Amino acid sequence: MAVAAVTTEPLNTPLKKKPLPAGRPREWYVSHNRRLKAMRLAIALLDTGVYQPSTADNARIRATADRLAIHPPSDITCRMVRALIRYGR
C-alpha cells in the first residue's frame, strides 16, 4: 500500500489567479479572501493530523500560517478555521 507524503511547504508553481469580479462592496472582497485563507489553513491542519477543533487553538493556527508563509490570521479567521474542521469531518 502506497502512502502519500504530506507537506505544508508552499508549492513551487503558483496557481494562476483570476481577477475578482468588479463592482462588489468592499466587505464582499474581505469576506471572500478570509474564507479562502481559512480554507487553506483548515486543509493544512487536517493534513498535519489536527482533526478536532478543540486542538486547533489560535496559536496553532497562526503557527501553521507562518509555516505556509501566510499573514497571521485574525481571531475571526481562526474561528472560521475551527468551523471548517468541525464540519469537514
PDB file of N, CA and C in Angstrom:
ATOM      1  N   MET A   1       0.843  -1.164   0.000  1.00  0.00           N
ATOM      2  CA  MET A   1       0.000   0.000   0.000  1.00  0.00           C
ATOM      3  C   MET A   1       0.898   1.240   0.000  1.00  0.00           C
ATOM      4  N   ALA A   2       0.653   2.138  -0.920  1.00  0.00           N
ATOM      5  CA  ALA A   2       1.453   3.354  -1.031  1.00  0.00           C
ATOM      6  C   ALA A   2       0.905   4.423  -0.093  1.00  0.00           C
ATOM      7  N   VAL A   3       1.787   5.169   0.493  1.00  0.00           N
ATOM      8  CA  VAL A   3       1.405   6.250   1.398  1.00  0.00           C
ATOM      9  C   VAL A   3       1.889   7.561   0.797  1.00  0.00           C
ATOM     10  N   ALA A   4       0.981   8.513   0.708  1.00  0.00           N
ATOM     11  CA  ALA A   4       1.346   9.818   0.145  1.00  0.00           C
ATOM     12  C   ALA A   4       2.043  10.654   1.207  1.00  0.00           C
ATOM     13  N   ALA A   5       3.059  11.353   0.809  1.00  0.00           N
ATOM     14  CA  ALA A   5       3.758  12.254   1.720  1.00  0.00           C
ATOM     15  C   ALA A   5       2.998  13.563   1.805  1.00  0.00           C
ATOM     16  N   VAL A   6       2.807  14.046   3.009  1.00  0.00           N
ATOM     17  CA  VAL A   6       2.083  15.291   3.226  1.00  0.00           C
ATOM     18  C   VAL A   6       3.090  16.377   3.570  1.00  0.00           C
ATOM     19  N   THR A   7       2.956  17.500   2.924  1.00  0.00           N
ATOM     20  CA  THR A   7       3.852  18.609   3.201  1.00  0.00           C
ATOM     21  C   THR A   7       3.050  19.886   3.353  1.00  0.00           C
ATOM     22  N   THR A   8       3.523  20.789   4.165  1.00  0.00           N
ATOM     23  CA  THR A   8       2.857  22.073   4.330  1.00  0.00           C
ATOM     24  C   THR A   8       3.707  23.185   3.736  1.00  0.00           C
ATOM     25  N   GLU A   9       4.685  22.814   2.918  1.00  0.00           N
ATOM     26  CA  GLU A   9       5.531  23.802   2.256  1.00  0.00           C
ATOM     27  C   GLU A   9       4.759  24.415   1.097  1.00  0.00           C
ATOM     28  N   PRO A  10       4.995  25.685   0.799  1.00  0.00           N
ATOM     29  CA  PRO A  10       4.329  26.306  -0.342  1.00  0.00           C
ATOM     30  C   PRO A  10       4.717  25.618  -1.648  1.00  0.00           C
ATOM     31  N   LEU A  11       3.794  25.563  -2.568  1.00  0.00           N
ATOM     32  CA  LEU A  11       4.064  24.953  -3.859  1.00  0.00           C
ATOM     33  C   LEU A  11       5.027  25.833  -4.658  1.00  0.00           C
ATOM     34  N   ASN A  12       5.836  25.197  -5.461  1.00  0.00           N
ATOM     35  CA  ASN A  12       6.785  25.948  -6.281  1.00  0.00           C
ATOM     36  C   ASN A  12       6.107  26.592  -7.480  1.00  0.00           C
ATOM     37  N   THR A  13       5.025  26.000  -7.944  1.00  0.00           N
ATOM     38  CA  THR A  13       4.313  26.555  -9.084  1.00  0.00           C
ATOM     39  C   THR A  13       2.987  27.126  -8.605  1.00  0.00           C
ATOM     40  N   PRO A  14       2.885  28.442  -8.503  1.00  0.00           N
ATOM     41  CA  PRO A  14       1.638  29.036  -8.025  1.00  0.00           C
ATOM     42  C   PRO A  14       0.521  28.867  -9.045  1.00  0.00           C
ATOM     43  N   LEU A  15      -0.694  28.775  -8.535  1.00  0.00           N
ATOM     44  CA  LEU A  15      -1.853  28.677  -9.407  1.00  0.00           C
ATOM     45  C   LEU A  15      -2.094  30.021 -10.073  1.00  0.00           C
ATOM     46  N   LYS A  16      -2.654  29.978 -11.271  1.00  0.00           N
ATOM     47  CA  LYS A  16      -2.974  31.228 -11.952  1.00  0.00           C
ATOM     48  C   LYS A  16      -4.167  31.864 -11.254  1.00  0.00           C
ATOM     49  N   LYS A  17      -4.024  33.125 -10.934  1.00  0.00           N
ATOM     50  CA  LYS A  17      -5.094  33.839 -10.260  1.00  0.00           C
ATOM     51  C   LYS A  17      -5.963  34.541 -11.283  1.00  0.00           C
ATOM     52  N   LYS A  18      -7.265  34.458 -11.059  1.00  0.00           N
ATOM     53  CA  LYS A  18      -8.198  35.178 -11.907  1.00  0.00           C
ATOM     54  C   LYS A  18      -8.625  36.435 -11.157  1.00  0.00           C
ATOM     55  N   PRO A  19      -8.868  37.506 -11.860  1.00  0.00           N
ATOM     56  CA  PRO A  19      -9.315  38.715 -11.168  1.00  0.00           C
ATOM     57  C   PRO A  19     -10.704  38.507 -10.569  1.00  0.00           C
ATOM     58  N   LEU A  20     -10.909  39.119  -9.418  1.00  0.00           N
ATOM     59  CA  LEU A  20     -12.220  39.043  -8.787  1.00  0.00           C
ATOM     60  C   LEU A  20     -13.197  39.925  -9.544  1.00  0.00           C
ATOM     61  N   PRO A  21     -14.487  39.585  -9.484  1.00  0.00           N
ATOM     62  CA  PRO A  21     -15.465  40.394 -10.209  1.00  0.00           C
ATOM     63  C   PRO A  21     -15.528  41.815  -9.656  1.00  0.00           C
ATOM     64  N   ALA A  22     -15.656  42.754 -10.557  1.00  0.00           N
ATOM     65  CA  ALA A  22     -15.700  44.160 -10.154  1.00  0.00           C
ATOM     66  C   ALA A  22     -17.113  44.555  -9.739  1.00  0.00           C
ATOM     67  N   GLY A  23     -17.187  45.627  -8.968  1.00  0.00           N
ATOM     68  CA  GLY A  23     -18.485  46.196  -8.629  1.00  0.00           C
ATOM     69  C   GLY A  23     -19.113  45.679  -7.347  1.00  0.00           C
ATOM     70  N   ARG A  24     -18.427  44.812  -6.634  1.00  0.00           N
ATOM     71  CA  ARG A  24     -18.984  44.305  -5.372  1.00  0.00           C
ATOM     72  C   ARG A  24     -18.599  45.245  -4.238  1.00  0.00           C
ATOM     73  N   PRO A  25     -19.365  45.210  -3.145  1.00  0.00           N
ATOM     74  CA  PRO A  25     -18.967  46.025  -1.991  1.00  0.00           C
ATOM     75  C   PRO A  25     -17.660  45.514  -1.392  1.00  0.00           C
ATOM     76  N   ARG A  26     -16.906  46.391  -0.758  1.00  0.00           N
ATOM     77  CA  ARG A  26     -15.612  46.039  -0.185  1.00  0.00           C
ATOM     78  C   ARG A  26     -15.726  44.867   0.786  1.00  0.00           C
ATOM     79  N   GLU A  27     -16.786  44.828   1.567  1.00  0.00           N
ATOM     80  CA  GLU A  27     -16.964  43.753   2.551  1.00  0.00           C
ATOM     81  C   GLU A  27     -17.018  42.380   1.883  1.00  0.00           C
ATOM     82  N   TRP A  28     -17.538  42.317   0.666  1.00  0.00           N
ATOM     83  CA  TRP A  28     -17.601  41.041  -0.047  1.00  0.00           C
ATOM     84  C   TRP A  28     -16.186  40.530  -0.318  1.00  0.00           C
ATOM     85  N   TYR A  29     -15.288  41.419  -0.758  1.00  0.00           N
ATOM     86  CA  TYR A  29     -13.915  41.021  -1.051  1.00  0.00           C
ATOM     87  C   TYR A  29     -13.182  40.601   0.221  1.00  0.00           C
ATOM     88  N   VAL A  30     -13.400  41.323   1.306  1.00  0.00           N
ATOM     89  CA  VAL A  30     -12.771  40.974   2.582  1.00  0.00           C
ATOM     90  C   VAL A  30     -13.250  39.596   3.027  1.00  0.00           C
ATOM     91  N   SER A  31     -14.548  39.358   2.950  1.00  0.00           N
ATOM     92  CA  SER A  31     -15.115  38.072   3.355  1.00  0.00           C
ATOM     93  C   SER A  31     -14.613  36.941   2.452  1.00  0.00           C
ATOM     94  N   HIS A  32     -14.547  37.207   1.160  1.00  0.00           N
ATOM     95  CA  HIS A  32     -14.084  36.202   0.203  1.00  0.00           C
ATOM     96  C   HIS A  32     -12.644  35.786   0.507  1.00  0.00           C
ATOM     97  N   ASN A  33     -11.774  36.756   0.700  1.00  0.00           N
ATOM     98  CA  ASN A  33     -10.368  36.454   0.979  1.00  0.00           C
ATOM     99  C   ASN A  33     -10.209  35.767   2.331  1.00  0.00           C
ATOM    100  N   ARG A  34     -11.025  36.137   3.305  1.00  0.00           N
ATOM    101  CA  ARG A  34     -10.976  35.497   4.616  1.00  0.00           C
ATOM    102  C   ARG A  34     -11.379  34.030   4.501  1.00  0.00           C
ATOM    103  N   ARG A  35     -12.413  33.743   3.707  1.00  0.00           N
ATOM    104  CA  ARG A  35     -12.844  32.346   3.527  1.00  0.00           C
ATOM    105  C   ARG A  35     -11.757  31.526   2.834  1.00  0.00           C
ATOM    106  N   LEU A  36     -11.089  32.119   1.838  1.00  0.00           N
ATOM    107  CA  LEU A  36     -10.011  31.404   1.153  1.00  0.00           C
ATOM    108  C   LEU A  36      -8.859  31.085   2.107  1.00  0.00           C
ATOM    109  N   LYS A  37      -8.488  32.059   2.930  1.00  0.00           N
ATOM    110  CA  LYS A  37      -7.408  31.844   3.892  1.00  0.00           C
ATOM    111  C   LYS A  37      -7.796  30.769   4.897  1.00  0.00           C
ATOM    112  N   ALA A  38      -9.023  30.825   5.400  1.00  0.00           N
ATOM    113  CA  ALA A  38      -9.490  29.829   6.371  1.00  0.00           C
ATOM    114  C   ALA A  38      -9.484  28.432   5.755  1.00  0.00           C
ATOM    115  N   MET A  39      -9.865  28.338   4.490  1.00  0.00           N
ATOM    116  CA  MET A  39      -9.880  27.044   3.829  1.00  0.00           C
ATOM    117  C   MET A  39      -8.462  26.490   3.673  1.00  0.00           C
ATOM    118  N   ARG A  40      -7.513  27.337   3.265  1.00  0.00           N
ATOM    119  CA  ARG A  40      -6.120  26.880   3.131  1.00  0.00           C
ATOM    120  C   ARG A  40      -5.570  26.407   4.470  1.00  0.00           C
ATOM    121  N   LEU A  41      -5.859  27.159   5.523  1.00  0.00           N
ATOM    122  CA  LEU A  41      -5.353  26.781   6.849  1.00  0.00           C
ATOM    123  C   LEU A  41      -6.014  25.502   7.361  1.00  0.00           C
ATOM    124  N   ALA A  42      -7.313  25.354   7.138  1.00  0.00           N
ATOM    125  CA  ALA A  42      -8.006  24.141   7.586  1.00  0.00           C
ATOM    126  C   ALA A  42      -7.452  22.915   6.877  1.00  0.00           C
ATOM    127  N   ILE A  43      -7.208  23.018   5.595  1.00  0.00           N
ATOM    128  CA  ILE A  43      -6.653  21.891   4.841  1.00  0.00           C
ATOM    129  C   ILE A  43      -5.264  21.541   5.355  1.00  0.00           C
ATOM    130  N   ALA A  44      -4.443  22.558   5.610  1.00  0.00           N
ATOM    131  CA  ALA A  44      -3.090  22.298   6.123  1.00  0.00           C
ATOM    132  C   ALA A  44      -3.145  21.639   7.498  1.00  0.00           C
ATOM    133  N   LEU A  45      -4.055  22.093   8.362  1.00  0.00           N
ATOM    134  CA  LEU A  45      -4.175  21.489   9.692  1.00  0.00           C
ATOM    135  C   LEU A  45      -4.669  20.049   9.598  1.00  0.00           C
ATOM    136  N   LEU A  46      -5.633  19.796   8.732  1.00  0.00           N
ATOM    137  CA  LEU A  46      -6.118  18.424   8.560  1.00  0.00           C
ATOM    138  C   LEU A  46      -5.009  17.522   8.029  1.00  0.00           C
ATOM    139  N   ASP A  47      -4.190  18.054   7.129  1.00  0.00           N
ATOM    140  CA  ASP A  47      -3.073  17.268   6.595  1.00  0.00           C
ATOM    141  C   ASP A  47      -2.039  16.937   7.660  1.00  0.00           C
ATOM    142  N   THR A  48      -1.914  17.797   8.673  1.00  0.00           N
ATOM    143  CA  THR A  48      -0.941  17.537   9.734  1.00  0.00           C
ATOM    144  C   THR A  48      -1.533  16.728  10.888  1.00  0.00           C
ATOM    145  N   GLY A  49      -2.798  16.317  10.770  1.00  0.00           N
ATOM    146  CA  GLY A  49      -3.391  15.449  11.779  1.00  0.00           C
ATOM    147  C   GLY A  49      -4.250  16.139  12.817  1.00  0.00           C
ATOM    148  N   VAL A  50      -4.594  17.378  12.609  1.00  0.00           N
ATOM    149  CA  VAL A  50      -5.477  18.083  13.544  1.00  0.00           C
ATOM    150  C   VAL A  50      -6.904  17.869  13.052  1.00  0.00           C
ATOM    151  N   TYR A  51      -7.643  16.961  13.713  1.00  0.00           N
ATOM    152  CA  TYR A  51      -8.990  16.617  13.278  1.00  0.00           C
ATOM    153  C   TYR A  51     -10.065  17.142  14.214  1.00  0.00           C
ATOM    154  N   GLN A  52      -9.683  17.663  15.359  1.00  0.00           N
ATOM    155  CA  GLN A  52     -10.642  18.179  16.336  1.00  0.00           C
ATOM    156  C   GLN A  52     -10.481  19.691  16.450  1.00  0.00           C
ATOM    157  N   PRO A  53     -11.587  20.446  16.396  1.00  0.00           N
ATOM    158  CA  PRO A  53     -11.482  21.900  16.541  1.00  0.00           C
ATOM    159  C   PRO A  53     -10.890  22.312  17.884  1.00  0.00           C
ATOM    160  N   SER A  54     -11.077  21.495  18.902  1.00  0.00           N
ATOM    161  CA  SER A  54     -10.564  21.842  20.223  1.00  0.00           C
ATOM    162  C   SER A  54      -9.035  21.817  20.267  1.00  0.00           C
ATOM    163  N   THR A  55      -8.398  21.072  19.371  1.00  0.00           N
ATOM    164  CA  THR A  55      -6.937  21.032  19.342  1.00  0.00           C
ATOM    165  C   THR A  55      -6.350  22.106  18.437  1.00  0.00           C
ATOM    166  N   ALA A  56      -7.211  22.831  17.720  1.00  0.00           N
ATOM    167  CA  ALA A  56      -6.745  23.896  16.824  1.00  0.00           C
ATOM    168  C   ALA A  56      -6.963  25.242  17.506  1.00  0.00           C
ATOM    169  N   ASP A  57      -6.095  25.558  18.463  1.00  0.00           N
ATOM    170  CA  ASP A  57      -6.217  26.865  19.115  1.00  0.00           C
ATOM    171  C   ASP A  57      -5.594  27.929  18.218  1.00  0.00           C
ATOM    172  N   ASN A  58      -5.785  29.180  18.588  1.00  0.00           N
ATOM    173  CA  ASN A  58      -5.298  30.290  17.760  1.00  0.00           C
ATOM    174  C   ASN A  58      -3.792  30.216  17.534  1.00  0.00           C
ATOM    175  N   ALA A  59      -3.048  29.829  18.551  1.00  0.00           N
ATOM    176  CA  ALA A  59      -1.585  29.756  18.415  1.00  0.00           C
ATOM    177  C   ALA A  59      -1.189  28.707  17.378  1.00  0.00           C
ATOM    178  N   ARG A  60      -1.859  27.574  17.389  1.00  0.00           N
ATOM    179  CA  ARG A  60      -1.534  26.514  16.436  1.00  0.00           C
ATOM    180  C   ARG A  60      -1.907  26.929  15.008  1.00  0.00           C
ATOM    181  N   ILE A  61      -3.042  27.583  14.866  1.00  0.00           N
ATOM    182  CA  ILE A  61      -3.473  28.048  13.550  1.00  0.00           C
ATOM    183  C   ILE A  61      -2.496  29.091  13.024  1.00  0.00           C
ATOM    184  N   ARG A  62      -2.066  30.005  13.895  1.00  0.00           N
ATOM    185  CA  ARG A  62      -1.132  31.044  13.469  1.00  0.00           C
ATOM    186  C   ARG A  62       0.245  30.465  13.164  1.00  0.00           C
ATOM    187  N   ALA A  63       0.648  29.429  13.881  1.00  0.00           N
ATOM    188  CA  ALA A  63       1.922  28.764  13.579  1.00  0.00           C
ATOM    189  C   ALA A  63       1.857  28.076  12.219  1.00  0.00           C
ATOM    190  N   THR A  64       0.712  27.491  11.915  1.00  0.00           N
ATOM    191  CA  THR A  64       0.524  26.866  10.608  1.00  0.00           C
ATOM    192  C   THR A  64       0.580  27.926   9.506  1.00  0.00           C
ATOM    193  N   ALA A  65      -0.034  29.072   9.751  1.00  0.00           N
ATOM    194  CA  ALA A  65       0.002  30.166   8.779  1.00  0.00           C
ATOM    195  C   ALA A  65       1.443  30.622   8.560  1.00  0.00           C
ATOM    196  N   ASP A  66       2.213  30.662   9.613  1.00  0.00           N
ATOM    197  CA  ASP A  66       3.622  31.059   9.499  1.00  0.00           C
ATOM    198  C   ASP A  66       4.398  30.060   8.647  1.00  0.00           C
ATOM    199  N   ARG A  67       4.150  28.755   8.850  1.00  0.00           N
ATOM    200  CA  ARG A  67       4.823  27.726   8.054  1.00  0.00           C
ATOM    201  C   ARG A  67       4.436  27.811   6.583  1.00  0.00           C
ATOM    202  N   LEU A  68       3.194  28.245   6.315  1.00  0.00           N
ATOM    203  CA  LEU A  68       2.715  28.348   4.932  1.00  0.00           C
ATOM    204  C   LEU A  68       3.035  29.700   4.303  1.00  0.00           C
ATOM    205  N   ALA A  69       3.707  30.560   5.053  1.00  0.00           N
ATOM    206  CA  ALA A  69       4.044  31.915   4.597  1.00  0.00           C
ATOM    207  C   ALA A  69       2.796  32.728   4.293  1.00  0.00           C
ATOM    208  N   ILE A  70       1.796  32.612   5.181  1.00  0.00           N
ATOM    209  CA  ILE A  70       0.552  33.371   5.090  1.00  0.00           C
ATOM    210  C   ILE A  70       0.557  34.365   6.247  1.00  0.00           C
ATOM    211  N   HIS A  71       0.039  35.559   6.027  1.00  0.00           N
ATOM    212  CA  HIS A  71      -0.065  36.529   7.116  1.00  0.00           C
ATOM    213  C   HIS A  71      -0.856  35.919   8.269  1.00  0.00           C
ATOM    214  N   PRO A  72      -0.505  36.236   9.514  1.00  0.00           N
ATOM    215  CA  PRO A  72      -1.220  35.669  10.657  1.00  0.00           C
ATOM    216  C   PRO A  72      -2.717  35.988  10.586  1.00  0.00           C
ATOM    217  N   PRO A  73      -3.561  34.983  10.779  1.00  0.00           N
ATOM    218  CA  PRO A  73      -4.999  35.208  10.682  1.00  0.00           C
ATOM    219  C   PRO A  73      -5.541  35.924  11.912  1.00  0.00           C
ATOM    220  N   SER A  74      -6.662  36.599  11.721  1.00  0.00           N
ATOM    221  CA  SER A  74      -7.338  37.276  12.820  1.00  0.00           C
ATOM    222  C   SER A  74      -8.096  36.248  13.661  1.00  0.00           C
ATOM    223  N   ASP A  75      -8.651  36.707  14.776  1.00  0.00           N
ATOM    224  CA  ASP A  75      -9.457  35.815  15.618  1.00  0.00           C
ATOM    225  C   ASP A  75     -10.671  35.296  14.853  1.00  0.00           C
ATOM    226  N   ILE A  76     -11.254  36.145  14.003  1.00  0.00           N
ATOM    227  CA  ILE A  76     -12.425  35.729  13.220  1.00  0.00           C
ATOM    228  C   ILE A  76     -12.035  34.613  12.254  1.00  0.00           C
ATOM    229  N   THR A  77     -10.897  34.759  11.594  1.00  0.00           N
ATOM    230  CA  THR A  77     -10.446  33.729  10.659  1.00  0.00           C
ATOM    231  C   THR A  77     -10.131  32.441  11.399  1.00  0.00           C
ATOM    232  N   CYS A  78      -9.539  32.533  12.581  1.00  0.00           N
ATOM    233  CA  CYS A  78      -9.261  31.326  13.378  1.00  0.00           C
ATOM    234  C   CYS A  78     -10.560  30.603  13.726  1.00  0.00           C
ATOM    235  N   ARG A  79     -11.590  31.376  14.054  1.00  0.00           N
ATOM    236  CA  ARG A  79     -12.896  30.782  14.333  1.00  0.00           C
ATOM    237  C   ARG A  79     -13.448  30.069  13.106  1.00  0.00           C
ATOM    238  N   MET A  80     -13.254  30.678  11.940  1.00  0.00           N
ATOM    239  CA  MET A  80     -13.709  30.055  10.698  1.00  0.00           C
ATOM    240  C   MET A  80     -12.951  28.761  10.412  1.00  0.00           C
ATOM    241  N   VAL A  81     -11.656  28.740  10.711  1.00  0.00           N
ATOM    242  CA  VAL A  81     -10.860  27.529  10.510  1.00  0.00           C
ATOM    243  C   VAL A  81     -11.409  26.401  11.379  1.00  0.00           C
ATOM    244  N   ARG A  82     -11.698  26.698  12.643  1.00  0.00           N
ATOM    245  CA  ARG A  82     -12.252  25.668  13.527  1.00  0.00           C
ATOM    246  C   ARG A  82     -13.609  25.186  13.040  1.00  0.00           C
ATOM    247  N   ALA A  83     -14.418  26.087  12.513  1.00  0.00           N
ATOM    248  CA  ALA A  83     -15.720  25.690  11.975  1.00  0.00           C
ATOM    249  C   ALA A  83     -15.557  24.779  10.768  1.00  0.00           C
ATOM    250  N   LEU A  84     -14.602  25.092   9.895  1.00  0.00           N
ATOM    251  CA  LEU A  84     -14.357  24.229   8.745  1.00  0.00           C
ATOM    252  C   LEU A  84     -13.863  22.851   9.174  1.00  0.00           C
ATOM    253  N   ILE A  85     -13.017  22.801  10.183  1.00  0.00           N
ATOM    254  CA  ILE A  85     -12.536  21.498  10.682  1.00  0.00           C
ATOM    255  C   ILE A  85     -13.701  20.714  11.270  1.00  0.00           C
ATOM    256  N   ARG A  86     -14.560  21.395  12.025  1.00  0.00           N
ATOM    257  CA  ARG A  86     -15.708  20.752  12.666  1.00  0.00           C
ATOM    258  C   ARG A  86     -16.637  20.128  11.623  1.00  0.00           C
ATOM    259  N   TYR A  87     -16.946  20.883  10.573  1.00  0.00           N
ATOM    260  CA  TYR A  87     -17.912  20.402   9.577  1.00  0.00           C
ATOM    261  C   TYR A  87     -17.255  19.629   8.461  1.00  0.00           C
ATOM    262  N   GLY A  88     -15.946  19.584   8.426  1.00  0.00           N
ATOM    263  CA  GLY A  88     -15.245  18.850   7.392  1.00  0.00           C
ATOM    264  C   GLY A  88     -15.012  17.386   7.725  1.00  0.00           C
ATOM    265  N   ARG A  89     -15.353  16.989   8.930  1.00  0.00           N
ATOM    266  CA  ARG A  89     -15.104  15.608   9.328  1.00  0.00           C
ATOM    267  C   ARG A  89     -16.087  14.680   8.708  1.00  0.00           C
TER     268      ARG A  89
END
